[in-house]
C-alpha atoms as a PDB file:
ATOM      1  CA  MET A   1      -0.141  -0.067   0.074  1.00  0.00           C
ATOM      2  CA  SER A   2       1.476   3.537  -0.960  1.00  0.00           C
ATOM      3  CA  PRO A   3       2.017   6.105   1.799  1.00  0.00           C
ATOM      4  CA  ALA A   4      -0.758   8.235   0.438  1.00  0.00           C
ATOM      5  CA  MET A   5      -3.153   5.325   0.334  1.00  0.00           C
ATOM      6  CA  SER A   6      -2.183   4.491   3.797  1.00  0.00           C
ATOM      7  CA  LEU A   7      -3.059   7.673   5.020  1.00  0.00           C
ATOM      8  CA  GLU A   8      -6.376   7.821   3.472  1.00  0.00           C
ATOM      9  CA  HIS A   9      -6.917   4.532   4.768  1.00  0.00           C
ATOM     10  CA  ARG A  10      -6.238   5.625   8.287  1.00  0.00           C
ATOM     11  CA  LEU A  11      -8.015   8.894   7.984  1.00  0.00           C
ATOM     12  CA  ARG A  12     -11.223   7.105   6.628  1.00  0.00           C
ATOM     13  CA  ARG A  13     -11.005   4.559   9.600  1.00  0.00           C
ATOM     14  CA  ARG A  14     -10.734   7.345  12.098  1.00  0.00           C
ATOM     15  CA  PHE A  15     -13.594   9.100  10.727  1.00  0.00           C
ATOM     16  CA  LEU A  16     -15.989   6.056  10.576  1.00  0.00           C
ATOM     17  CA  ALA A  17     -15.038   5.527  14.480  1.00  0.00           C
ATOM     18  CA  LEU A  18     -16.190   9.152  15.122  1.00  0.00           C
ATOM     19  CA  LEU A  19     -18.977   8.817  13.235  1.00  0.00           C
ATOM     20  CA  ALA A  20     -19.860   5.661  14.700  1.00  0.00           C
ATOM     21  CA  SER A  21     -19.380   7.037  18.326  1.00  0.00           C
ATOM     22  CA  ALA A  22     -21.664  10.182  17.571  1.00  0.00           C
ATOM     23  CA  LEU A  23     -24.302   8.244  16.023  1.00  0.00           C
ATOM     24  CA  LEU A  24     -24.515   5.676  18.852  1.00  0.00           C
ATOM     25  CA  LEU A  25     -24.780   8.335  21.621  1.00  0.00           C
ATOM     26  CA  PRO A  26     -28.611   9.215  21.621  1.00  0.00           C
ATOM     27  CA  ASN A  27     -30.427  12.402  22.735  1.00  0.00           C
ATOM     28  CA  TRP A  28     -28.951  12.979  26.165  1.00  0.00           C
ATOM     29  CA  ALA A  29     -32.049  13.559  27.751  1.00  0.00           C
ATOM     30  CA  GLN A  30     -33.790  10.568  26.338  1.00  0.00           C
ATOM     31  CA  ALA A  31     -30.785   8.399  27.529  1.00  0.00           C
ATOM     32  CA  GLN A  32     -31.207   9.706  31.160  1.00  0.00           C
ATOM     33  CA  ASP A  33     -34.704   8.641  31.165  1.00  0.00           C
ATOM     34  CA  ALA A  34     -34.660   5.427  29.043  1.00  0.00           C
ATOM     35  CA  ASP A  35     -35.061   3.084  31.927  1.00  0.00           C
ATOM     36  CA  ALA A  36     -37.943   4.856  33.477  1.00  0.00           C
ATOM     37  CA  THR A  37     -41.497   3.257  33.952  1.00  0.00           C
ATOM     38  CA  PRO A  38     -43.995   4.294  31.111  1.00  0.00           C
ATOM     39  CA  ALA A  39     -47.074   5.415  32.223  1.00  0.00           C
ATOM     40  CA  GLN A  40     -50.516   3.632  31.621  1.00  0.00           C
ATOM     41  CA  GLU A  41     -51.386   3.914  27.998  1.00  0.00           C
ATOM     42  CA  PRO A  42     -54.131   6.613  27.738  1.00  0.00           C
ATOM     43  CA  THR A  43     -57.519   5.854  26.043  1.00  0.00           C
ATOM     44  CA  ALA A  44     -58.245   7.378  22.631  1.00  0.00           C
ATOM     45  CA  ASP A  45     -60.113  10.547  22.555  1.00  0.00           C
ATOM     46  CA  ALA A  46     -61.923  11.171  19.280  1.00  0.00           C
ATOM     47  CA  GLU A  47     -62.439  14.729  19.443  1.00  0.00           C
ATOM     48  CA  ALA A  48     -58.603  15.277  20.362  1.00  0.00           C
ATOM     49  CA  LEU A  49     -57.715  13.180  17.456  1.00  0.00           C
ATOM     50  CA  GLU A  50     -59.822  15.167  14.956  1.00  0.00           C
ATOM     51  CA  ILE A  51     -58.125  18.629  16.536  1.00  0.00           C
ATOM     52  CA  VAL A  52     -54.525  17.346  15.928  1.00  0.00           C
ATOM     53  CA  MET A  53     -55.507  15.801  12.259  1.00  0.00           C
ATOM     54  CA  ARG A  54     -56.699  19.351  11.395  1.00  0.00           C
ATOM     55  CA  ALA A  55     -53.559  20.966  12.990  1.00  0.00           C
ATOM     56  CA  ASP A  56     -51.554  18.552  11.168  1.00  0.00           C
ATOM     57  CA  GLU A  57     -53.140  19.658   7.853  1.00  0.00           C
ATOM     58  CA  ILE A  58     -52.546  23.072   8.622  1.00  0.00           C
ATOM     59  CA  ARG A  59     -48.709  22.634   9.468  1.00  0.00           C
ATOM     60  CA  PHE A  60     -48.119  20.684   6.265  1.00  0.00           C
ATOM     61  CA  PRO A  61     -49.834  19.316   3.060  1.00  0.00           C
ATOM     62  CA  ARG A  62     -51.389  15.521   3.136  1.00  0.00           C
ATOM     63  CA  ASP A  63     -50.244  15.414  -0.264  1.00  0.00           C
ATOM     64  CA  SER A  64     -46.609  15.138  -1.667  1.00  0.00           C
ATOM     65  CA  PHE A  65     -44.919  18.416  -1.398  1.00  0.00           C
ATOM     66  CA  GLN A  66     -41.349  20.058  -1.133  1.00  0.00           C
ATOM     67  CA  THR A  67     -40.448  23.000   1.197  1.00  0.00           C
ATOM     68  CA  GLU A  68     -37.140  24.788   1.888  1.00  0.00           C
ATOM     69  CA  ILE A  69     -36.102  25.565   5.606  1.00  0.00           C
ATOM     70  CA  ALA A  70     -33.276  27.915   6.957  1.00  0.00           C
ATOM     71  CA  VAL A  71     -32.397  26.910  10.603  1.00  0.00           C
ATOM     72  CA  ARG A  72     -30.620  29.641  12.822  1.00  0.00           C
ATOM     73  CA  ASN A  73     -29.118  28.591  16.077  1.00  0.00           C
ATOM     74  CA  LEU A  74     -28.965  30.992  18.857  1.00  0.00           C
ATOM     75  CA  SER A  75     -27.213  31.183  22.143  1.00  0.00           C
ATOM     76  CA  ALA A  76     -27.914  33.977  24.541  1.00  0.00           C
ATOM     77  CA  GLY A  77     -29.683  35.954  21.624  1.00  0.00           C
ATOM     78  CA  GLU A  78     -26.276  35.709  19.388  1.00  0.00           C
ATOM     79  CA  GLN A  79     -26.527  33.629  16.222  1.00  0.00           C
ATOM     80  CA  ASN A  80     -23.934  30.753  15.933  1.00  0.00           C
ATOM     81  CA  ASP A  81     -24.841  29.322  12.754  1.00  0.00           C
ATOM     82  CA  GLU A  82     -27.003  28.846   9.962  1.00  0.00           C
ATOM     83  CA  ARG A  83     -28.170  25.728   8.040  1.00  0.00           C
ATOM     84  CA  LYS A  84     -30.383  25.321   5.329  1.00  0.00           C
ATOM     85  CA  PHE A  85     -32.347  21.958   4.556  1.00  0.00           C
ATOM     86  CA  ARG A  86     -34.523  20.969   1.279  1.00  0.00           C
ATOM     87  CA  VAL A  87     -37.230  18.446   2.435  1.00  0.00           C
ATOM     88  CA  LEU A  88     -39.410  16.330   0.424  1.00  0.00           C
ATOM     89  CA  SER A  89     -42.289  14.681   1.917  1.00  0.00           C
ATOM     90  CA  ARG A  90     -44.715  12.129   0.266  1.00  0.00           C
ATOM     91  CA  GLY A  91     -47.992  12.087   2.859  1.00  0.00           C
ATOM     92  CA  ASN A  92     -47.023  11.375   6.321  1.00  0.00           C
ATOM     93  CA  GLU A  93     -45.137   8.168   5.876  1.00  0.00           C
ATOM     94  CA  ASN A  94     -41.952   9.143   3.794  1.00  0.00           C
ATOM     95  CA  THR A  95     -39.574  11.961   3.802  1.00  0.00           C
ATOM     96  CA  ILE A  96     -36.065  12.751   2.423  1.00  0.00           C
ATOM     97  CA  VAL A  97     -34.230  15.830   4.176  1.00  0.00           C
ATOM     98  CA  LEU A  98     -31.281  17.064   2.023  1.00  0.00           C
ATOM     99  CA  SER A  99     -28.697  19.222   3.675  1.00  0.00           C
ATOM    100  CA  THR A 100     -28.165  22.293   1.304  1.00  0.00           C
ATOM    101  CA  GLU A 101     -26.210  24.575   3.520  1.00  0.00           C
ATOM    102  CA  PRO A 102     -23.183  24.877   4.577  1.00  0.00           C
ATOM    103  CA  ALA A 103     -21.317  23.575   1.669  1.00  0.00           C
ATOM    104  CA  SER A 104     -19.288  21.350   3.633  1.00  0.00           C
ATOM    105  CA  GLU A 105     -22.563  19.231   4.609  1.00  0.00           C
ATOM    106  CA  ARG A 106     -23.929  19.353   1.049  1.00  0.00           C
ATOM    107  CA  GLY A 107     -24.445  15.771   0.079  1.00  0.00           C
ATOM    108  CA  GLN A 108     -25.858  14.239   3.233  1.00  0.00           C
ATOM    109  CA  ALA A 109     -29.268  13.156   3.487  1.00  0.00           C
ATOM    110  CA  LEU A 110     -31.876  11.627   5.955  1.00  0.00           C
ATOM    111  CA  LEU A 111     -34.336   9.078   4.628  1.00  0.00           C
ATOM    112  CA  MET A 112     -37.552   8.316   6.557  1.00  0.00           C
ATOM    113  CA  ARG A 113     -39.729   5.474   5.905  1.00  0.00           C
ATOM    114  CA  GLY A 114     -42.717   4.893   8.314  1.00  0.00           C
ATOM    115  CA  ARG A 115     -40.554   5.514  11.442  1.00  0.00           C
ATOM    116  CA  ASP A 116     -37.208   4.024  10.151  1.00  0.00           C
ATOM    117  CA  LEU A 117     -34.725   6.587   9.386  1.00  0.00           C
ATOM    118  CA  TRP A 118     -31.164   6.503   7.706  1.00  0.00           C
ATOM    119  CA  ILE A 119     -28.212   9.127   7.182  1.00  0.00           C
ATOM    120  CA  PHE A 120     -26.544   9.072   3.870  1.00  0.00           C
ATOM    121  CA  MET A 121     -23.157  10.734   3.618  1.00  0.00           C
ATOM    122  CA  PRO A 122     -20.824  11.143   0.517  1.00  0.00           C
ATOM    123  CA  SER A 123     -17.835   9.812   2.395  1.00  0.00           C
ATOM    124  CA  VAL A 124     -19.565   6.530   3.971  1.00  0.00           C
ATOM    125  CA  SER A 125     -20.554   3.751   1.611  1.00  0.00           C
ATOM    126  CA  GLN A 126     -23.624   2.510   3.615  1.00  0.00           C
ATOM    127  CA  PRO A 127     -26.156   4.434   5.087  1.00  0.00           C
ATOM    128  CA  VAL A 128     -26.432   4.554   9.036  1.00  0.00           C
ATOM    129  CA  ARG A 129     -29.294   3.736  10.867  1.00  0.00           C
ATOM    130  CA  LEU A 130     -30.724   6.928  13.338  1.00  0.00           C
ATOM    131  CA  SER A 131     -33.297   7.651  15.845  1.00  0.00           C
ATOM    132  CA  LEU A 132     -36.075  10.393  15.472  1.00  0.00           C
ATOM    133  CA  ALA A 133     -35.176  11.746  18.862  1.00  0.00           C
ATOM    134  CA  GLN A 134     -31.178  12.454  17.923  1.00  0.00           C
ATOM    135  CA  ARG A 135     -30.523  16.026  17.362  1.00  0.00           C
ATOM    136  CA  LEU A 136     -29.743  17.069  13.769  1.00  0.00           C
ATOM    137  CA  THR A 137     -28.740  20.713  14.792  1.00  0.00           C
ATOM    138  CA  GLY A 138     -29.434  23.002  17.757  1.00  0.00           C
ATOM    139  CA  GLN A 139     -32.370  22.454  19.273  1.00  0.00           C
ATOM    140  CA  VAL A 140     -33.931  20.566  16.172  1.00  0.00           C
ATOM    141  CA  ALA A 141     -34.052  16.667  16.481  1.00  0.00           C
ATOM    142  CA  ASN A 142     -34.325  14.295  13.336  1.00  0.00           C
ATOM    143  CA  GLY A 143     -38.101  13.853  13.752  1.00  0.00           C
ATOM    144  CA  ASP A 144     -38.714  17.628  13.937  1.00  0.00           C
ATOM    145  CA  LEU A 145     -37.867  18.050  10.119  1.00  0.00           C
ATOM    146  CA  ALA A 146     -38.215  14.205   9.266  1.00  0.00           C
ATOM    147  CA  ARG A 147     -41.814  13.497  10.784  1.00  0.00           C
ATOM    148  CA  ALA A 148     -44.754  15.723  10.955  1.00  0.00           C
ATOM    149  CA  ASN A 149     -47.326  13.244  11.522  1.00  0.00           C
ATOM    150  CA  LEU A 150     -48.405  14.222  15.253  1.00  0.00           C
ATOM    151  CA  ALA A 151     -51.901  12.289  14.798  1.00  0.00           C
ATOM    152  CA  GLY A 152     -50.112   8.907  13.823  1.00  0.00           C
ATOM    153  CA  ASP A 153     -47.174   9.114  16.397  1.00  0.00           C
ATOM    154  CA  TYR A 154     -49.451   9.953  19.474  1.00  0.00           C
ATOM    155  CA  ILE A 155     -52.518   9.347  21.269  1.00  0.00           C
ATOM    156  CA  PRO A 156     -54.267  12.371  22.161  1.00  0.00           C
ATOM    157  CA  THR A 157     -56.564  13.738  24.881  1.00  0.00           C
ATOM    158  CA  ILE A 158     -57.941  16.996  25.659  1.00  0.00           C
ATOM    159  CA  ILE A 159     -56.821  18.131  29.246  1.00  0.00           C
ATOM    160  CA  GLY A 160     -58.421  21.736  29.250  1.00  0.00           C
ATOM    161  CA  ARG A 161     -59.249  24.888  27.598  1.00  0.00           C
ATOM    162  CA  GLU A 162     -57.430  28.340  28.073  1.00  0.00           C
ATOM    163  CA  GLU A 163     -56.375  31.622  26.487  1.00  0.00           C
ATOM    164  CA  LEU A 164     -52.949  31.893  24.837  1.00  0.00           C
ATOM    165  CA  ASP A 165     -51.890  34.940  23.523  1.00  0.00           C
ATOM    166  CA  GLY A 166     -55.161  36.513  23.401  1.00  0.00           C
ATOM    167  CA  GLN A 167     -56.605  33.207  21.551  1.00  0.00           C
ATOM    168  CA  ALA A 168     -59.000  30.789  22.956  1.00  0.00           C
ATOM    169  CA  ALA A 169     -57.117  27.516  22.674  1.00  0.00           C
ATOM    170  CA  VAL A 170     -57.820  23.631  23.391  1.00  0.00           C
ATOM    171  CA  VAL A 171     -55.018  22.180  25.372  1.00  0.00           C
ATOM    172  CA  LEU A 172     -54.234  18.476  24.534  1.00  0.00           C
ATOM    173  CA  SER A 173     -51.835  15.841  26.107  1.00  0.00           C
ATOM    174  CA  LEU A 174     -50.121  13.699  23.405  1.00  0.00           C
ATOM    175  CA  SER A 175     -48.715  10.285  24.755  1.00  0.00           C
ATOM    176  CA  ALA A 176     -46.526   8.537  22.251  1.00  0.00           C
ATOM    177  CA  VAL A 177     -47.754   5.312  20.735  1.00  0.00           C
ATOM    178  CA  ASP A 178     -44.422   3.689  21.332  1.00  0.00           C
ATOM    179  CA  ARG A 179     -40.636   4.393  21.891  1.00  0.00           C
ATOM    180  CA  GLY A 180     -39.804   4.884  18.088  1.00  0.00           C
ATOM    181  CA  VAL A 181     -41.299   8.297  18.129  1.00  0.00           C
ATOM    182  CA  THR A 182     -39.271  11.577  18.716  1.00  0.00           C
ATOM    183  CA  TYR A 183     -40.707  12.559  21.802  1.00  0.00           C
ATOM    184  CA  SER A 184     -42.541  10.531  24.654  1.00  0.00           C
ATOM    185  CA  LYS A 185     -44.921  13.190  25.447  1.00  0.00           C
ATOM    186  CA  VAL A 186     -46.114  16.350  24.021  1.00  0.00           C
ATOM    187  CA  LYS A 187     -48.478  19.139  25.748  1.00  0.00           C
ATOM    188  CA  TYR A 188     -50.037  21.119  22.531  1.00  0.00           C
ATOM    189  CA  TRP A 189     -52.309  24.337  22.182  1.00  0.00           C
ATOM    190  CA  VAL A 190     -54.591  24.289  19.250  1.00  0.00           C
ATOM    191  CA  ALA A 191     -56.548  27.555  18.228  1.00  0.00           C
ATOM    192  CA  GLU A 192     -60.330  26.529  18.997  1.00  0.00           C
ATOM    193  CA  LYS A 193     -61.439  28.641  16.217  1.00  0.00           C
ATOM    194  CA  ASP A 194     -59.375  27.392  13.292  1.00  0.00           C
ATOM    195  CA  SER A 195     -57.350  24.498  14.585  1.00  0.00           C
ATOM    196  CA  ARG A 196     -54.206  26.322  14.068  1.00  0.00           C
ATOM    197  CA  PRO A 197     -51.065  25.192  15.966  1.00  0.00           C
ATOM    198  CA  LEU A 198     -49.941  27.636  18.549  1.00  0.00           C
ATOM    199  CA  LYS A 199     -47.578  26.239  21.127  1.00  0.00           C
ATOM    200  CA  ALA A 200     -46.051  22.689  22.035  1.00  0.00           C
ATOM    201  CA  GLU A 201     -43.929  21.544  25.236  1.00  0.00           C
ATOM    202  CA  PHE A 202     -42.192  18.230  24.292  1.00  0.00           C
ATOM    203  CA  TYR A 203     -41.242  15.887  27.287  1.00  0.00           C
ATOM    204  CA  ALA A 204     -38.788  12.961  28.149  1.00  0.00           C
ATOM    205  CA  LEU A 205     -40.128   9.655  29.133  1.00  0.00           C
ATOM    206  CA  SER A 206     -39.626  10.761  32.668  1.00  0.00           C
ATOM    207  CA  GLY A 207     -41.694  13.607  32.347  1.00  0.00           C
ATOM    208  CA  ARG A 208     -38.778  16.175  32.134  1.00  0.00           C
ATOM    209  CA  LEU A 209     -39.459  18.916  29.845  1.00  0.00           C
ATOM    210  CA  LEU A 210     -36.657  19.321  26.923  1.00  0.00           C
ATOM    211  CA  LYS A 211     -38.008  22.222  24.960  1.00  0.00           C
ATOM    212  CA  THR A 212     -41.013  24.339  23.941  1.00  0.00           C
ATOM    213  CA  ALA A 213     -42.123  25.396  20.588  1.00  0.00           C
ATOM    214  CA  ARG A 214     -44.000  28.198  19.150  1.00  0.00           C
ATOM    215  CA  TYR A 215     -45.757  28.346  15.595  1.00  0.00           C
ATOM    216  CA  GLU A 216     -45.519  31.877  14.199  1.00  0.00           C
ATOM    217  CA  GLU A 217     -46.189  34.290  11.300  1.00  0.00           C
ATOM    218  CA  PHE A 218     -48.946  32.455   9.387  1.00  0.00           C
ATOM    219  CA  LYS A 219     -48.834  32.824   5.789  1.00  0.00           C
ATOM    220  CA  ASP A 220     -50.466  31.246   2.463  1.00  0.00           C
ATOM    221  CA  MET A 221     -48.273  28.574   1.266  1.00  0.00           C
ATOM    222  CA  ALA A 222     -49.176  25.499  -0.352  1.00  0.00           C
ATOM    223  CA  GLY A 223     -52.711  26.406  -0.591  1.00  0.00           C
ATOM    224  CA  ARG A 224     -53.563  27.475   2.598  1.00  0.00           C
ATOM    225  CA  LEU A 225     -52.236  29.699   5.668  1.00  0.00           C
ATOM    226  CA  ARG A 226     -49.517  27.880   7.672  1.00  0.00           C
ATOM    227  CA  PRO A 227     -46.823  28.660  10.265  1.00  0.00           C
ATOM    228  CA  THR A 228     -43.871  29.770   8.474  1.00  0.00           C
ATOM    229  CA  ARG A 229     -41.752  30.265  11.682  1.00  0.00           C
ATOM    230  CA  LEU A 230     -40.976  27.823  14.325  1.00  0.00           C
ATOM    231  CA  VAL A 231     -39.230  28.728  17.434  1.00  0.00           C
ATOM    232  CA  LEU A 232     -37.625  25.847  19.706  1.00  0.00           C
ATOM    233  CA  GLU A 233     -36.539  26.963  23.011  1.00  0.00           C
ATOM    234  CA  ASP A 234     -34.025  24.533  25.380  1.00  0.00           C
ATOM    235  CA  ALA A 235     -36.160  24.075  28.478  1.00  0.00           C
ATOM    236  CA  LEU A 236     -32.916  22.936  30.044  1.00  0.00           C
ATOM    237  CA  ARG A 237     -30.191  25.663  29.116  1.00  0.00           C
ATOM    238  CA  ALA A 238     -31.618  28.935  28.999  1.00  0.00           C
ATOM    239  CA  GLY A 239     -30.776  31.051  25.668  1.00  0.00           C
ATOM    240  CA  GLU A 240     -30.383  27.899  23.497  1.00  0.00           C
ATOM    241  CA  VAL A 241     -32.963  28.538  20.614  1.00  0.00           C
ATOM    242  CA  SER A 242     -33.402  27.384  17.289  1.00  0.00           C
ATOM    243  CA  VAL A 243     -35.352  29.240  14.806  1.00  0.00           C
ATOM    244  CA  LEU A 244     -37.021  27.142  11.533  1.00  0.00           C
ATOM    245  CA  THR A 245     -38.103  29.596   8.747  1.00  0.00           C
ATOM    246  CA  TYR A 246     -40.295  27.669   5.969  1.00  0.00           C
ATOM    247  CA  GLU A 247     -38.848  29.980   2.919  1.00  0.00           C
ATOM    248  CA  THR A 248     -40.775  28.242   0.280  1.00  0.00           C
ATOM    249  CA  MET A 249     -43.480  25.498   0.228  1.00  0.00           C
ATOM    250  CA  ARG A 250     -44.845  23.944  -2.845  1.00  0.00           C
ATOM    251  CA  LEU A 251     -46.934  20.645  -3.700  1.00  0.00           C
ATOM    252  CA  ARG A 252     -44.914  18.658  -5.953  1.00  0.00           C
ATOM    253  CA  ASP A 253     -45.492  14.997  -7.518  1.00  0.00           C
ATOM    254  CA  LEU A 254     -43.263  12.770  -5.842  1.00  0.00           C
ATOM    255  CA  PRO A 255     -43.034   9.145  -6.792  1.00  0.00           C
ATOM    256  CA  GLU A 256     -42.719   6.239  -4.199  1.00  0.00           C
ATOM    257  CA  ARG A 257     -39.299   5.019  -6.143  1.00  0.00           C
ATOM    258  CA  MET A 258     -37.501   8.160  -4.729  1.00  0.00           C
ATOM    259  CA  PHE A 259     -37.909   7.168  -1.281  1.00  0.00           C
ATOM    260  CA  THR A 260     -35.549   3.955  -1.087  1.00  0.00           C
ATOM    261  CA  ARG A 261     -32.032   3.724  -0.193  1.00  0.00           C
ATOM    262  CA  GLU A 262     -30.955   2.822  -3.856  1.00  0.00           C
ATOM    263  CA  TYR A 263     -32.693   5.884  -5.546  1.00  0.00           C
ATOM    264  CA  LEU A 264     -31.454   8.485  -2.707  1.00  0.00           C
ATOM    265  CA  ARG A 265     -27.769   8.482  -3.984  1.00  0.00           C
ATOM    266  CA  ARG A 266     -29.047   9.542  -7.494  1.00  0.00           C
ATOM    267  CA  LEU A 267     -31.047  12.540  -6.192  1.00  0.00           C
ATOM    268  CA  GLU A 268     -29.780  15.549  -7.554  1.00  0.00           C
ATOM    269  CA  GLN A 269     -29.662  18.292  -4.809  1.00  0.00           C
END
């Protein structure tokens, strides 16, 4: 083996070892609570499920679509970095998340089929399995971009009604259907008048609050009013915030064959 090839081989092995270590380390808050005893499974609530389904349809189209998302990560009000992603979604079950910026991460992609998630990287020959709960960037978990099906991932119940920012809201408790979803529990505020999502709190299995989300700046995108700004704030570290801006969104015919590991490497960004 030539010296150049030997160096390349050593660097590749070191990169793969570092990658494996990072990917095998789950979301730290979820890991702390992995052995906690789950609460008794709640009974499905038909009214609550309908509310969550309507809110899901406001957040994203039910049909296939493409959206461009900018994520700004801030600490104590100062921006640390900005990343951009292109999301291609077919219904609620199949999603591709492409990294478009920074240039150093261009070519990385997440593929979700059902609740199975893989990451593809140009320098690694085989895809690596991930969990939805692992952090993608800042306060953004993989599932925050790749999975938008709250009605399918959680069992909802109505726990009250209250006023939030001057709007009458239904307050719901969402309990995970299993441990494969992004969060163990979600407390969700939905506008009573038009089912707009307003706010969410995301919890670990132990009941610890991980982060809060606010849905803001509703604009006409892909045929209806949708939130175009999502603010995620870390509940454990004050001042750590990620702001997601949906820059564009359009309906797009996306064939089933796109959402396969074999096809993904040929997908142009």
